[in-house]
Protein backbone atom coordinates (compact mmCIF):
# COMPACT_ATOMS: atom_id res chain seq x y z
CA MET A 1 281.12 135.20 -40.58
CA HIS A 2 280.66 137.33 -43.68
CA ILE A 3 279.87 135.14 -46.68
CA ASN A 4 279.78 136.53 -50.21
CA GLY A 5 277.92 134.53 -52.83
CA ASN A 6 275.94 131.34 -52.63
CA LEU A 7 276.25 128.93 -49.71
CA SER A 8 275.24 125.27 -49.57
CA LEU A 9 274.59 123.66 -46.20
CA MET A 10 275.02 120.18 -47.71
CA ASP A 11 278.08 118.21 -48.76
CA TYR A 12 278.33 118.58 -52.52
CA CYS A 13 281.56 116.60 -52.83
CA THR A 14 279.84 113.21 -52.73
CA GLY A 15 276.66 114.01 -54.61
CA ALA A 16 273.78 116.38 -54.11
CA PRO A 17 271.61 116.58 -52.19
CA ASP A 18 273.62 114.59 -49.69
CA TYR A 19 273.17 113.68 -46.03
CA ALA A 20 272.68 116.60 -43.66
CA SER A 21 271.17 116.67 -40.19
CA GLY A 22 270.85 120.14 -38.74
CA GLY A 23 272.94 123.11 -37.77
CA PHE A 24 273.27 126.60 -36.34
CA ILE A 25 274.18 129.99 -37.80
CA ALA A 26 274.42 133.19 -35.75
CA ASP A 27 275.74 136.76 -35.98
CA SER A 28 276.57 136.41 -39.68
CA GLU A 29 276.21 138.44 -42.86
CA PHE A 30 275.29 136.97 -46.28
CA THR A 31 275.62 139.10 -49.40
CA GLY A 32 275.14 138.39 -53.09
CA GLY A 33 273.80 134.86 -52.85
CA THR A 34 271.30 132.36 -51.53
CA VAL A 35 271.67 129.88 -48.69
CA THR A 36 270.63 126.47 -49.99
CA ASN A 37 269.32 124.53 -47.04
CA GLY A 38 268.56 121.46 -49.13
CA SER A 39 268.30 118.22 -47.16
CA GLN A 40 268.85 119.70 -43.71
CA GLN A 41 266.13 118.19 -41.54
CA GLN A 42 266.24 121.11 -39.12
CA TYR A 43 268.20 124.33 -38.86
CA VAL A 44 268.29 127.45 -36.69
CA THR A 45 269.56 130.86 -37.79
CA ARG A 46 269.87 133.73 -35.33
CA ASN A 47 270.78 137.41 -35.73
CA SER A 48 272.02 136.99 -39.30
CA ASP A 49 271.36 139.11 -42.40
CA LEU A 50 270.16 136.82 -45.21
CA ASP A 51 270.04 137.49 -48.94
CA GLY A 52 267.92 134.42 -49.68
CA TRP A 53 267.03 130.98 -48.31
CA SER A 54 265.88 128.07 -50.43
CA ASN A 55 264.44 124.65 -49.65
CA SER A 56 263.30 123.21 -46.36
CA VAL A 57 262.54 119.87 -44.80
CA TRP A 58 260.86 119.76 -41.38
CA ASN A 59 261.89 122.52 -38.98
CA GLN A 60 263.64 125.73 -40.01
CA VAL A 61 263.74 128.44 -37.33
CA PHE A 62 264.76 132.08 -37.83
CA CYS A 63 265.17 134.60 -35.02
CA GLY A 64 266.17 138.23 -35.59
CA ASP A 65 267.20 137.61 -39.21
CA PRO A 66 266.66 140.38 -41.81
CA GLY A 67 265.76 138.71 -45.10
CA ALA A 68 264.48 135.50 -43.50
CA PRO A 69 261.56 133.63 -45.09
CA ALA A 70 258.12 134.63 -43.83
CA GLN A 71 256.46 132.63 -41.07
CA SER A 72 254.90 129.55 -42.70
CA PHE A 73 254.35 126.46 -40.60
CA ALA A 74 251.51 124.11 -41.40
CA GLY A 75 250.65 120.51 -42.19
CA ASN A 76 253.14 118.43 -44.20
CA SER A 77 256.07 120.54 -42.95
CA GLY A 78 258.08 121.01 -46.10
CA ASP A 79 258.04 117.31 -47.06
CA SER A 80 257.85 118.26 -50.73
CA GLY A 81 260.41 121.02 -50.46
CA GLY A 82 257.82 123.72 -49.88
CA PRO A 83 258.04 126.63 -47.44
CA SER A 84 255.71 125.17 -44.79
CA SER A 85 258.36 124.49 -42.15
CA TYR A 86 259.44 128.06 -41.38
CA THR A 87 259.18 129.54 -37.89
CA THR A 88 260.19 133.19 -38.07
CA LEU A 89 260.57 135.62 -35.17
CA SER A 90 261.41 139.22 -36.04
CA THR A 91 263.61 139.70 -32.96
CA CYS A 92 265.39 137.59 -30.36
CA PRO A 93 264.35 138.35 -26.78
CA VAL A 94 267.80 138.43 -25.13
CA THR A 95 271.18 137.55 -26.64
CA GLU A 96 274.86 137.86 -25.84
CA GLU A 97 277.42 136.76 -28.41
CA GLU A 98 280.22 134.65 -27.00
CA PRO A 99 283.65 136.16 -26.23
CA TYR A 100 286.40 135.64 -28.80
CA LEU A 101 290.16 135.85 -29.01
CA TYR A 102 291.68 138.45 -31.35
CA THR A 103 294.93 140.31 -31.97
CA GLY A 104 295.07 144.08 -31.57
CA SER A 105 296.86 146.55 -33.84
CA ALA A 106 300.07 146.07 -31.84
CA GLY A 107 299.89 142.29 -32.26
CA ASN A 108 298.84 141.58 -28.67
CA TYR A 109 296.23 138.96 -27.86
CA ASN A 110 292.98 140.18 -26.34
CA VAL A 111 289.51 138.77 -25.72
CA PHE A 112 286.46 140.74 -26.81
CA VAL A 113 283.29 140.33 -24.73
CA PRO A 114 280.17 141.51 -26.65
CA SER A 115 277.44 143.33 -24.74
CA LEU A 116 274.04 141.99 -23.77
CA GLN A 117 271.27 142.75 -26.29
CA THR A 118 267.51 142.70 -25.97
CA ASN A 119 264.99 142.43 -28.83
CA SER A 120 267.92 142.11 -31.21
CA ASN A 121 267.79 141.90 -34.99
CA GLY A 122 270.72 141.32 -37.36
CA PRO A 123 274.46 140.82 -36.76
CA THR A 124 276.23 142.77 -34.02
CA TRP A 125 279.29 143.79 -36.02
CA VAL A 126 278.21 144.99 -39.49
CA ASN A 127 278.20 148.69 -38.61
CA GLY A 128 281.78 148.48 -37.32
CA ASN A 129 280.69 149.66 -33.90
CA THR A 130 280.35 146.46 -31.90
CA ALA A 131 279.38 147.14 -28.30
CA GLY A 132 281.40 145.33 -25.68
CA THR A 133 284.60 145.21 -23.65
CA SER A 134 288.14 144.06 -24.45
CA LEU A 135 290.12 142.05 -21.92
CA SER A 136 293.86 141.56 -22.06
CA LEU A 137 295.00 137.97 -22.36
CA SER A 138 297.00 138.66 -19.20
CA THR A 139 293.69 138.43 -17.29
CA PHE A 140 293.40 134.76 -18.32
CA TYR A 141 295.04 131.63 -16.99
CA VAL A 142 295.97 129.71 -20.15
CA ALA A 143 295.50 126.02 -19.39
CA SER A 144 296.64 122.90 -21.20
CA PRO A 145 295.70 119.24 -20.62
CA SER A 146 298.69 118.93 -18.29
CA SER A 147 297.32 121.66 -15.99
CA SER A 148 296.07 120.28 -12.67
CA VAL A 149 292.58 121.01 -11.38
CA ALA A 150 294.17 122.52 -8.27
CA THR A 151 296.12 124.99 -10.40
CA ILE A 152 293.07 125.88 -12.50
CA ASN A 153 290.93 126.38 -9.39
CA ALA A 154 293.58 128.51 -7.72
CA ALA A 155 293.71 130.79 -10.77
CA LEU A 156 289.90 131.06 -10.87
CA ALA A 157 289.73 131.78 -7.13
CA ALA A 158 292.32 134.53 -7.60
CA GLY A 159 290.05 136.24 -10.14
CA ASP A 160 291.57 135.01 -13.41
CA ASN A 161 289.54 134.10 -16.46
CA LEU A 162 290.28 130.74 -18.09
CA LEU A 163 291.43 129.93 -21.63
CA LEU A 164 291.45 126.19 -22.37
CA THR A 165 293.80 125.23 -25.20
CA PRO A 166 292.97 122.19 -27.36
CA GLY A 167 293.24 118.66 -26.00
CA VAL A 168 291.66 116.17 -23.63
CA TYR A 169 291.55 117.14 -19.95
CA ASN A 170 291.15 114.24 -17.50
CA LEU A 171 289.80 115.79 -14.31
CA SER A 172 289.66 113.90 -11.01
CA SER A 173 287.83 116.73 -9.24
CA THR A 174 285.52 119.62 -10.09
CA ILE A 175 286.55 122.87 -11.75
CA ASN A 176 284.90 125.49 -9.52
CA VAL A 177 283.96 128.89 -10.94
CA THR A 178 283.19 131.19 -8.01
CA ASN A 179 283.75 134.77 -9.18
CA PRO A 180 281.22 136.82 -11.19
CA ASP A 181 281.98 137.73 -14.82
CA THR A 182 284.52 134.94 -15.24
CA LYS A 183 285.04 134.03 -18.91
CA ILE A 184 285.84 130.40 -19.74
CA ILE A 185 286.80 130.03 -23.39
CA GLY A 186 287.71 126.85 -25.22
CA LEU A 187 289.94 126.87 -28.29
CA GLY A 188 289.50 123.92 -30.63
CA PHE A 189 286.80 122.39 -28.45
CA PRO A 190 288.89 121.13 -25.53
CA THR A 191 287.31 117.98 -24.09
CA LEU A 192 286.76 117.74 -20.32
CA ILE A 193 286.36 114.24 -18.81
CA PRO A 194 285.58 113.56 -15.12
CA THR A 195 287.51 110.51 -13.96
CA SER A 196 286.13 110.01 -10.42
CA GLY A 197 282.38 110.44 -10.75
CA ASN A 198 282.74 114.16 -10.06
CA VAL A 199 280.79 117.06 -11.55
CA THR A 200 283.16 118.30 -14.25
CA MET A 201 282.50 122.02 -13.80
CA ASN A 202 280.40 123.89 -11.27
CA VAL A 203 279.53 127.57 -11.61
CA ALA A 204 278.40 129.33 -8.42
CA ASP A 205 275.25 131.45 -8.30
CA VAL A 206 277.01 134.56 -9.62
CA SER A 207 276.39 136.89 -12.57
CA GLY A 208 278.10 137.24 -15.91
CA VAL A 209 279.96 133.95 -16.23
CA ASN A 210 280.39 132.69 -19.78
CA VAL A 211 281.29 129.12 -20.77
CA SER A 212 281.92 128.71 -24.49
CA GLY A 213 283.51 126.38 -27.02
CA VAL A 214 283.90 123.37 -24.72
CA MET A 215 283.10 119.64 -25.03
CA PHE A 216 282.00 117.74 -21.91
CA ASP A 217 282.44 113.95 -22.13
CA ALA A 218 281.07 111.58 -19.48
CA GLY A 219 283.69 109.57 -17.62
CA PRO A 220 283.92 105.91 -16.56
CA THR A 221 282.21 106.49 -13.17
CA SER A 222 278.77 108.09 -13.22
CA SER A 223 278.68 111.81 -12.48
CA PRO A 224 275.55 113.55 -11.15
CA ALA A 225 276.10 116.19 -13.86
CA LEU A 226 278.83 117.25 -16.29
CA LEU A 227 278.11 120.99 -16.04
CA GLN A 228 276.14 122.62 -13.24
CA VAL A 229 275.38 126.33 -13.24
CA GLY A 230 273.92 128.28 -10.31
CA THR A 231 272.23 127.08 -7.13
CA GLN A 232 268.88 125.31 -7.20
CA GLY A 233 266.15 127.37 -5.58
CA SER A 234 268.02 130.67 -5.88
CA THR A 235 265.88 133.79 -6.08
CA VAL A 236 268.74 136.01 -7.30
CA SER A 237 268.05 137.79 -10.59
CA HIS A 238 270.91 137.97 -13.09
CA ALA A 239 268.87 139.80 -15.73
CA SER A 240 271.32 142.68 -16.19
CA ASP A 241 274.37 140.37 -16.39
CA PRO A 242 273.29 136.81 -17.16
CA VAL A 243 275.32 133.64 -17.27
CA SER A 244 275.67 132.36 -20.85
CA VAL A 245 276.58 128.94 -22.20
CA ASP A 246 277.54 129.09 -25.89
CA ASP A 247 278.64 126.41 -28.36
CA VAL A 248 278.93 123.80 -25.61
CA PHE A 249 278.40 120.12 -26.36
CA PHE A 250 277.85 117.12 -24.09
CA ARG A 251 278.53 113.46 -24.94
CA VAL A 252 277.65 110.37 -22.94
CA GLY A 253 279.50 107.71 -24.89
CA GLY A 254 280.78 108.06 -28.44
CA ALA A 255 284.44 108.98 -28.10
CA GLU A 256 284.64 107.69 -24.51
CA THR A 257 282.66 104.98 -22.75
CA GLY A 258 281.00 106.95 -20.00
CA THR A 259 277.93 107.51 -17.87
CA ALA A 260 276.24 110.45 -16.14
CA ALA A 261 272.87 110.95 -14.47
CA THR A 262 272.36 114.29 -16.24
CA ALA A 263 274.54 116.13 -18.74
CA PHE A 264 273.69 119.76 -17.85
CA ILE A 265 271.84 121.28 -14.89
CA ASP A 266 271.00 124.99 -15.23
CA ASN A 267 269.89 126.59 -11.97
CA SER A 268 270.85 130.15 -12.93
CA ASN A 269 268.00 132.64 -13.28
CA ASN A 270 268.00 134.64 -16.55
CA SER A 271 270.75 132.50 -18.10
CA ILE A 272 271.21 132.18 -21.87
CA VAL A 273 271.77 128.76 -23.45
CA ASP A 274 272.95 129.29 -27.03
CA ASP A 275 273.79 126.38 -29.36
CA VAL A 276 273.96 123.45 -26.96
CA TRP A 277 273.84 119.80 -28.01
CA ALA A 278 273.54 117.03 -25.41
CA TRP A 279 273.98 113.58 -26.95
CA ARG A 280 273.80 110.09 -25.53
CA ALA A 281 275.72 108.09 -28.10
CA ASP A 282 273.98 106.02 -30.73
CA HIS A 283 277.36 105.03 -32.25
CA GLY A 284 280.98 104.89 -31.15
CA SER A 285 282.46 103.76 -27.86
CA GLY A 286 279.94 102.48 -25.33
CA ALA A 287 277.01 102.82 -27.72
CA GLY A 288 274.51 100.32 -29.04
CA SER A 289 273.28 98.79 -25.79
CA TRP A 290 270.54 99.88 -23.41
CA THR A 291 272.83 99.09 -20.47
CA SER A 292 275.88 100.97 -21.78
CA ASP A 293 276.57 104.73 -21.71
CA GLN A 294 273.63 105.17 -19.33
CA SER A 295 272.12 108.59 -18.73
CA ASN A 296 268.56 109.53 -17.80
CA THR A 297 268.35 113.20 -18.80
CA GLY A 298 270.27 115.60 -21.02
CA LEU A 299 269.16 118.93 -19.54
CA ILE A 300 267.39 120.04 -16.36
CA VAL A 301 266.44 123.72 -16.14
CA ASN A 302 265.56 124.91 -12.63
CA GLY A 303 266.33 128.60 -13.20
CA ASN A 304 263.61 131.12 -13.99
CA ASN A 305 263.55 133.25 -17.16
CA VAL A 306 266.07 131.05 -18.97
CA THR A 307 266.34 131.58 -22.74
CA ALA A 308 267.60 128.80 -25.03
CA TYR A 309 268.44 129.01 -28.75
CA GLY A 310 269.44 126.04 -30.87
CA LEU A 311 268.89 123.33 -28.25
CA ALA A 312 269.40 119.69 -29.26
CA VAL A 313 269.04 116.80 -26.77
CA GLU A 314 269.13 113.23 -28.05
CA HIS A 315 268.80 109.57 -27.02
CA PHE A 316 268.64 109.96 -23.22
CA GLN A 317 266.83 107.16 -21.40
CA LYS A 318 264.07 109.00 -19.53
CA GLN A 319 262.74 112.57 -19.84
CA GLU A 320 265.36 114.14 -22.08
CA VAL A 321 264.66 117.73 -21.03
CA ILE A 322 263.02 118.59 -17.70
CA TRP A 323 262.07 122.28 -17.59
CA ASN A 324 261.12 123.33 -14.06
CA GLY A 325 261.72 127.09 -14.32
CA GLN A 326 259.15 129.82 -14.85
CA GLY A 327 259.20 132.31 -17.73
CA GLY A 328 261.42 130.25 -20.04
CA ASP A 329 261.87 130.66 -23.80
CA VAL A 330 263.07 127.94 -26.18
CA ILE A 331 263.69 128.97 -29.78
CA PHE A 332 264.39 125.74 -31.70
CA PHE A 333 264.57 122.29 -30.12
CA GLN A 334 265.62 119.04 -31.78
CA ASN A 335 265.35 115.57 -30.29
CA GLU A 336 265.63 111.92 -31.19
CA ASN A 337 264.22 109.34 -28.78
CA PRO A 338 266.68 106.61 -27.68
CA TYR A 339 267.17 103.94 -30.34
CA GLU A 340 267.93 100.75 -28.44
CA VAL A 341 264.94 100.43 -26.07
CA PRO A 342 264.68 96.64 -25.55
CA SER A 343 261.00 96.42 -24.55
CA GLN A 344 258.01 98.62 -23.83
CA ALA A 345 257.95 97.41 -20.21
CA SER A 346 261.47 98.79 -19.68
CA TRP A 347 260.50 102.25 -20.98
CA MET A 348 257.40 103.54 -19.20
CA GLU A 349 256.95 106.88 -17.43
CA THR A 350 254.09 105.37 -15.42
CA SER A 351 252.35 102.01 -15.40
CA THR A 352 249.85 103.43 -17.90
CA GLN A 353 251.97 105.86 -19.96
CA ASP A 354 254.23 104.45 -22.67
CA GLY A 355 257.70 105.93 -23.01
CA TYR A 356 259.04 109.24 -21.74
CA PRO A 357 258.41 112.70 -23.20
CA ALA A 358 261.36 114.36 -24.87
CA PHE A 359 260.37 117.65 -23.22
CA TYR A 360 258.72 117.48 -19.82
CA MET A 361 257.35 120.33 -17.74
CA PRO A 362 255.68 119.79 -14.34
CA SER A 363 252.30 121.25 -13.41
CA SER A 364 253.99 123.91 -11.25
CA VAL A 365 255.15 125.80 -14.37
CA THR A 366 252.70 128.55 -15.38
CA SER A 367 254.68 130.59 -17.95
CA PHE A 368 256.75 129.48 -20.95
CA GLN A 369 257.12 130.10 -24.71
CA GLY A 370 258.45 127.50 -27.15
CA TYR A 371 259.03 127.92 -30.90
CA GLY A 372 260.02 125.40 -33.58
CA MET A 373 260.41 122.23 -31.53
CA GLY A 374 260.64 118.69 -32.95
CA SER A 375 261.04 115.11 -31.73
CA TYR A 376 261.73 112.00 -33.83
CA SER A 377 261.64 108.24 -33.26
CA TYR A 378 263.84 105.38 -34.52
CA PHE A 379 263.41 102.33 -32.29
CA ASP A 380 265.83 99.88 -33.87
CA GLN A 381 265.53 96.61 -31.91
CA GLY A 382 262.78 95.11 -34.05
CA VAL A 383 260.29 95.52 -31.20
CA SER A 384 257.34 97.89 -31.38
CA ILE A 385 258.12 100.65 -28.88
CA TYR A 386 255.73 103.58 -28.47
CA ASN A 387 256.08 106.98 -26.87
CA ALA A 388 252.73 108.36 -25.70
CA MET A 389 253.73 111.98 -26.37
CA ALA A 390 256.79 113.98 -27.36
CA PHE A 391 255.89 117.00 -25.19
CA GLN A 392 254.21 116.73 -21.79
CA VAL A 393 253.37 120.12 -20.28
CA PRO A 394 250.77 121.84 -18.09
CA ASP A 395 247.48 122.75 -19.77
CA THR A 396 247.49 126.42 -18.88
CA SER A 397 247.21 129.59 -20.95
CA GLY A 398 250.62 130.90 -19.89
CA VAL A 399 252.47 127.84 -21.20
CA GLN A 400 252.46 128.24 -24.97
CA PHE A 401 254.05 126.26 -27.79
CA HIS A 402 254.30 127.26 -31.44
CA ASP A 403 255.21 125.07 -34.43
CA LEU A 404 255.72 121.59 -32.93
CA LEU A 405 256.31 118.39 -34.86
CA THR A 406 257.08 114.70 -34.60
CA VAL A 407 258.57 112.39 -37.24
CA PHE A 408 258.95 108.61 -37.54
CA LEU A 409 262.45 108.18 -38.98
CA ASN A 410 262.57 104.39 -39.26
CA GLY A 411 262.43 101.23 -37.18
CA SER A 412 259.44 100.03 -35.18
CA GLY A 413 256.69 101.60 -33.09
CA GLY A 414 256.48 105.39 -33.07
CA ILE A 415 255.20 108.47 -31.22
CA ASN A 416 251.47 108.44 -30.49
CA SER A 417 250.92 112.20 -30.10
CA VAL A 418 252.82 115.45 -30.36
CA ILE A 419 251.83 117.19 -27.11
CA ASN A 420 249.55 116.06 -24.28
CA GLY A 421 247.65 113.68 -26.55
CA THR A 422 247.20 116.29 -29.30
CA GLY A 423 248.65 115.75 -32.79
CA ALA A 424 248.52 112.71 -35.06
CA ALA A 425 250.59 109.63 -34.32
CA VAL A 426 253.69 108.94 -36.43
CA ASN A 427 254.65 105.36 -37.25
CA SER A 428 255.38 103.11 -40.23
CA SER A 429 251.96 103.92 -41.69
CA PHE A 430 252.35 107.70 -41.38
CA GLY A 431 255.93 108.89 -41.08
CA GLY A 432 254.99 112.52 -40.58
CA PRO A 433 255.79 115.17 -39.92
CA SER A 434 252.84 115.49 -37.58
CA ASP A 435 252.44 119.21 -36.91
CA VAL A 436 250.80 121.21 -34.12
CA VAL A 437 250.87 124.89 -35.03
CA THR A 438 249.81 126.27 -31.64
CA TYR A 439 249.19 124.77 -28.20
CA PRO A 440 247.01 125.21 -26.29
């Protein structure tokens, strides 16, 4: 977007500052005004040209943003409205803006596919010379909720791209994406629901596939995953033409009562995960009970050299993110522990370790960079539940974290350390934020 003048990221219609709980801005231009962040607990801004940014709360992350606030992350992360919650990176390591539908000068529909960028800074389009490729809409199968999976799969197998029009798609079998460079674009966030315990969508270990603007809801029978990309254990590099997943959201419960073992499994080397929220419902259909809308993990990354921006994973029942791949980058992470844990005994990683880390990395991982990553607790059953640590990772020089925090939102219990036993506990006595600027 191009925004002229001041912008508020809060709702000013019902009083200010009003409730706000995080967001994402990318590839945008701001002129002649200030962005008022206000009560946003966390926010990530990528490849956007800023004219000013005011206020902060706990975790504000900037990546490749001319005009962004200077790096300033320290104790008491912005609790008093100060600038101590800013994580600022001058460039983004690898980005690829999502494809978009547009009309050409003759009134025909086309889809523009922006090019891959490395070490990027600022919006892609402000000079009027956006790099990329246009595809005719005739290269797409345009699906509706009445389209059968067999028809969709036949079109994909024949080499078509896929445009999903708005609506709810009940899918009794898997959508299989087998050809490289296939573009899957959702308009109006079409919602895909597996009805037979199937994986909703599976992307083969091929290059250049994009999935964007889609909502994945868990179905009534547990699925092993809602979206699976690539093949576990693959050694194929997709660095020159990566798979990208943009503006894709996962729900286990909420609108539908559903269950899934894992929301998203990413096996694709060099893939880009850009603005992804995986949510096990804390309200709505199926929510409110430890035995309803069950799901252990929101995201498992097995691919190497995966880059994630604006990653939020909330309320899953065991390790919420499991990152097995080497050479990963995460720029902004937001998490809330599950609310409705009934007892400490029911929520233990081991017989001696309370709770489950929000972000877990096995000892086999030797290289990783994380920036601006937070985890919060709100155990709401009136029972003191504790999580030993928010981040559990190998103690090795190649695995590095920058600007971590935990917060006690409300309820009982809390989080006893930020990462591997380091960082002050947050609880009813000290709500936080508890900050760790660098680790190790």
